[in-house]
Structure formats: C-alpha cells, structure tokens
N, C-alpha and C. Protein backbone atom coordinates (compact mmCIF):
# COMPACT_ATOMS: atom_id res chain seq x y z
N TYR A 1 90.25 95.53 100.72
CA TYR A 1 89.84 95.57 99.33
C TYR A 1 90.08 96.95 98.75
N GLY A 2 90.40 97.00 97.47
CA GLY A 2 90.61 98.27 96.80
C GLY A 2 89.30 98.88 96.33
N SER A 3 89.36 100.15 96.01
CA SER A 3 88.15 100.85 95.58
C SER A 3 87.61 100.30 94.26
N ALA A 4 88.48 99.87 93.35
CA ALA A 4 88.01 99.29 92.09
C ALA A 4 87.21 98.01 92.35
N TYR A 5 87.69 97.20 93.26
CA TYR A 5 86.99 95.96 93.62
C TYR A 5 85.63 96.27 94.23
N LEU A 6 85.60 97.22 95.15
CA LEU A 6 84.35 97.58 95.82
C LEU A 6 83.34 98.20 94.87
N ALA A 7 83.84 98.81 93.79
CA ALA A 7 82.95 99.42 92.79
C ALA A 7 82.64 98.44 91.65
N TYR A 8 83.07 97.17 91.79
CA TYR A 8 82.89 96.16 90.75
C TYR A 8 83.54 96.59 89.43
N ARG A 9 84.69 97.27 89.51
CA ARG A 9 85.40 97.76 88.32
C ARG A 9 86.81 97.19 88.23
N GLU A 10 87.10 96.11 88.95
CA GLU A 10 88.46 95.57 88.98
C GLU A 10 88.93 95.06 87.62
N ASN A 11 88.02 94.84 86.67
CA ASN A 11 88.43 94.39 85.34
C ASN A 11 89.00 95.52 84.48
N ASP A 12 88.64 96.78 84.81
CA ASP A 12 89.15 97.88 84.00
C ASP A 12 89.81 98.99 84.81
N LEU A 13 89.83 98.89 86.12
CA LEU A 13 90.46 99.89 86.99
C LEU A 13 91.25 99.20 88.10
N GLY A 14 92.04 99.97 88.82
CA GLY A 14 92.65 99.46 90.04
C GLY A 14 94.11 99.06 89.96
N SER A 15 94.65 98.93 88.75
CA SER A 15 96.07 98.63 88.59
C SER A 15 96.51 99.11 87.22
N ILE A 16 97.81 99.26 87.05
CA ILE A 16 98.33 99.71 85.76
C ILE A 16 98.70 98.47 84.95
N GLU A 17 97.85 98.16 83.99
CA GLU A 17 98.04 97.00 83.12
C GLU A 17 97.51 97.36 81.73
N GLU A 18 98.02 96.69 80.71
CA GLU A 18 97.50 96.89 79.36
C GLU A 18 96.01 96.59 79.34
N GLY A 19 95.25 97.48 78.73
CA GLY A 19 93.81 97.29 78.62
C GLY A 19 93.01 97.90 79.74
N LYS A 20 93.67 98.36 80.80
CA LYS A 20 92.96 99.00 81.90
C LYS A 20 93.01 100.51 81.75
N LEU A 21 92.07 101.18 82.39
CA LEU A 21 91.98 102.63 82.34
C LEU A 21 92.85 103.24 83.43
N ALA A 22 93.48 104.37 83.11
CA ALA A 22 94.29 105.06 84.12
C ALA A 22 94.43 106.53 83.73
N ASP A 23 94.36 107.39 84.71
CA ASP A 23 94.69 108.80 84.53
C ASP A 23 96.04 108.99 85.18
N VAL A 24 96.97 109.63 84.47
CA VAL A 24 98.35 109.71 84.92
C VAL A 24 98.83 111.16 84.86
N VAL A 25 99.58 111.57 85.88
CA VAL A 25 100.23 112.87 85.88
C VAL A 25 101.73 112.63 85.99
N ILE A 26 102.50 113.22 85.07
CA ILE A 26 103.96 113.10 85.08
C ILE A 26 104.53 114.40 85.60
N LEU A 27 105.30 114.31 86.68
CA LEU A 27 105.85 115.50 87.33
C LEU A 27 107.31 115.69 86.97
N SER A 28 107.81 116.90 87.17
CA SER A 28 109.18 117.23 86.80
C SER A 28 110.21 116.66 87.76
N ASP A 29 109.80 116.25 88.95
CA ASP A 29 110.74 115.77 89.97
C ASP A 29 109.97 115.00 91.02
N SER A 30 110.69 114.37 91.93
CA SER A 30 110.05 113.72 93.08
C SER A 30 109.45 114.79 93.98
N ILE A 31 108.40 114.44 94.68
CA ILE A 31 107.72 115.41 95.55
C ILE A 31 108.16 115.23 96.99
N SER A 32 108.53 116.33 97.60
CA SER A 32 108.71 116.37 99.05
C SER A 32 107.84 117.50 99.56
N SER A 33 107.42 117.44 100.80
CA SER A 33 106.52 118.46 101.32
C SER A 33 107.14 119.85 101.28
N GLU A 34 108.47 119.93 101.36
CA GLU A 34 109.14 121.24 101.33
C GLU A 34 109.16 121.84 99.93
N ASP A 35 109.22 121.00 98.90
CA ASP A 35 109.39 121.48 97.54
C ASP A 35 108.14 121.38 96.67
N ILE A 36 107.02 121.03 97.23
CA ILE A 36 105.83 120.74 96.42
C ILE A 36 105.40 121.93 95.56
N GLU A 37 105.61 123.14 96.03
CA GLU A 37 105.20 124.31 95.25
C GLU A 37 106.09 124.54 94.04
N LYS A 38 107.28 123.94 94.01
CA LYS A 38 108.22 124.12 92.90
C LYS A 38 108.04 123.08 91.79
N ILE A 39 107.31 122.02 92.07
CA ILE A 39 107.15 120.92 91.11
C ILE A 39 106.25 121.36 89.96
N LYS A 40 106.65 121.04 88.75
CA LYS A 40 105.88 121.36 87.55
C LYS A 40 105.24 120.08 87.00
N VAL A 41 104.03 120.21 86.50
CA VAL A 41 103.38 119.10 85.81
C VAL A 41 103.93 119.08 84.39
N GLU A 42 104.56 117.98 84.02
CA GLU A 42 105.14 117.83 82.68
C GLU A 42 104.10 117.36 81.67
N LYS A 43 103.24 116.44 82.09
CA LYS A 43 102.26 115.86 81.18
C LYS A 43 101.12 115.26 81.99
N THR A 44 99.90 115.38 81.47
CA THR A 44 98.74 114.75 82.09
C THR A 44 98.03 113.93 81.02
N VAL A 45 97.75 112.67 81.34
CA VAL A 45 97.01 111.79 80.44
C VAL A 45 95.68 111.50 81.11
N PHE A 46 94.59 111.84 80.42
CA PHE A 46 93.24 111.63 80.95
C PHE A 46 92.40 110.98 79.86
N ASP A 47 91.77 109.89 80.20
CA ASP A 47 90.90 109.17 79.26
C ASP A 47 91.65 108.79 77.99
N GLY A 48 92.94 108.44 78.16
CA GLY A 48 93.75 107.97 77.04
C GLY A 48 94.32 109.06 76.16
N LYS A 49 94.10 110.32 76.53
CA LYS A 49 94.58 111.43 75.72
C LYS A 49 95.48 112.34 76.55
N ILE A 50 96.54 112.86 75.93
CA ILE A 50 97.39 113.84 76.60
C ILE A 50 96.63 115.16 76.62
N VAL A 51 96.37 115.68 77.82
CA VAL A 51 95.58 116.91 77.95
C VAL A 51 96.42 118.09 78.42
N LEU A 52 97.64 117.85 78.83
CA LEU A 52 98.53 118.93 79.23
C LEU A 52 99.96 118.53 78.99
C-alpha cells in the first residue's frame, strides 16, 4: 500500500492526476550520483504556487 492510502488521503494525494495535490521540483538535467552537485533546480511548485 502507498503512503497516501495508509494516511486515508488517496483521494487527494498519491498520484499525479487533475484535482490531486502535488509538490513538484523541475531539475535542469537527469540526476546521476556523480553529477548531483551540478544539477540546478529550475522551478519548484508547492501548494499550487511556483515558489522558485
């Protein structure tokens, strides 16, 4: 079971669908363990608002 299901929040959390809540981070590139320090955060969406 997923954490949203266990928290009784599967109606608004747990998957990316219209009407559900999600916090999203958009990165400049794919992440590998060797290059993680070089990756830049392009955009962060929290609570439906772009915060970075």
